[in-house]
Amino acid sequence: MSQSEVSLTLSKAEALVLFEWLASLDGSKMPPFNHPSEEKVLWKVEGQLESVLVEPFAPNYGELLTRARRAVETGE
């Protein structure tokens, strides 16, 4: 990693919850952005999560997401 990059570590559950939240945003639910770059960064994070997570394509995705949310909420 170069000195101009930052690496973040998320649990699989945290990554799944974050991905679902980002994927659920649309024009009507967009958070207020102070600058266009903020939106661009969020979409970049979503794309990176989408490239590493296989769960969103699983037939039991809803169940996996429910478990991930519970794990994040309870700190498991």
Protein backbone atom coordinates (compact mmCIF):
# COMPACT_ATOMS: atom_id res chain seq x y z
CA MET A 1 0.00 0.00 0.00
CA SER A 2 1.34 3.40 -0.90
CA GLN A 3 1.58 6.24 1.55
CA SER A 4 -1.30 7.96 -0.25
CA GLU A 5 -3.73 5.10 0.49
CA VAL A 6 -5.67 4.15 3.59
CA SER A 7 -6.73 0.63 4.41
CA LEU A 8 -9.84 -0.09 6.48
CA THR A 9 -10.72 -3.34 8.17
CA LEU A 10 -14.32 -4.45 8.54
CA SER A 11 -15.75 -7.73 9.72
CA LYS A 12 -17.70 -9.65 7.09
CA ALA A 13 -20.91 -8.68 8.93
CA GLU A 14 -19.97 -4.99 8.97
CA ALA A 15 -19.10 -5.08 5.27
CA LEU A 16 -22.41 -6.71 4.41
CA VAL A 17 -24.43 -4.20 6.44
CA LEU A 18 -22.55 -1.28 4.90
CA PHE A 19 -22.97 -2.69 1.41
CA GLU A 20 -26.71 -3.14 1.87
CA TRP A 21 -27.12 0.42 3.14
CA LEU A 22 -25.14 1.86 0.24
CA ALA A 23 -26.99 -0.29 -2.29
CA SER A 24 -30.35 0.78 -0.85
CA LEU A 25 -29.70 4.47 -1.41
CA ASP A 26 -31.45 6.06 -4.32
CA GLY A 27 -32.28 9.62 -5.29
CA SER A 28 -35.02 9.95 -2.68
CA LYS A 29 -32.96 8.54 0.19
CA MET A 30 -29.65 10.19 -0.52
CA PRO A 31 -28.01 11.70 2.50
CA PRO A 32 -27.12 15.36 2.21
CA PHE A 33 -23.70 15.79 0.66
CA ASN A 34 -21.62 18.88 1.26
CA HIS A 35 -19.56 18.24 -1.85
CA PRO A 36 -19.90 15.99 -4.95
CA SER A 37 -16.71 14.19 -3.95
CA GLU A 38 -18.47 12.69 -0.91
CA GLU A 39 -21.01 10.91 -3.10
CA LYS A 40 -18.25 9.68 -5.40
CA VAL A 41 -16.36 8.16 -2.47
CA LEU A 42 -19.47 6.35 -1.22
CA TRP A 43 -20.07 4.81 -4.63
CA LYS A 44 -16.41 3.75 -4.80
CA VAL A 45 -16.73 2.01 -1.44
CA GLU A 46 -19.92 0.29 -2.62
CA GLY A 47 -18.16 -0.93 -5.76
CA GLN A 48 -15.25 -2.30 -3.79
CA LEU A 49 -17.59 -4.13 -1.41
CA GLU A 50 -19.57 -5.49 -4.34
CA SER A 51 -16.38 -6.91 -5.84
CA VAL A 52 -15.48 -8.91 -2.72
CA LEU A 53 -18.82 -9.95 -1.21
CA VAL A 54 -20.49 -13.09 -2.53
CA GLU A 55 -23.41 -12.99 -0.08
CA PRO A 56 -25.56 -10.54 -2.09
CA PHE A 57 -25.82 -13.21 -4.79
CA ALA A 58 -26.80 -16.02 -2.42
CA PRO A 59 -30.38 -17.29 -2.53
CA ASN A 60 -30.62 -16.78 1.25
CA TYR A 61 -29.25 -13.22 1.17
CA GLY A 62 -32.07 -11.89 3.35
CA GLU A 63 -31.23 -14.36 6.08
CA LEU A 64 -27.51 -13.64 5.81
CA LEU A 65 -28.17 -9.91 6.04
CA THR A 66 -30.39 -10.38 9.09
CA ARG A 67 -27.65 -12.36 10.82
CA ALA A 68 -25.03 -9.77 9.86
CA ARG A 69 -27.16 -6.92 11.21
CA ARG A 70 -27.69 -8.80 14.46
CA ALA A 71 -23.98 -9.53 14.78
CA VAL A 72 -23.07 -5.87 14.24
CA GLU A 73 -25.77 -4.67 16.63
CA THR A 74 -24.78 -7.03 19.42
CA GLY A 75 -21.04 -6.86 18.83
CA GLU A 76 -20.71 -10.58 18.10
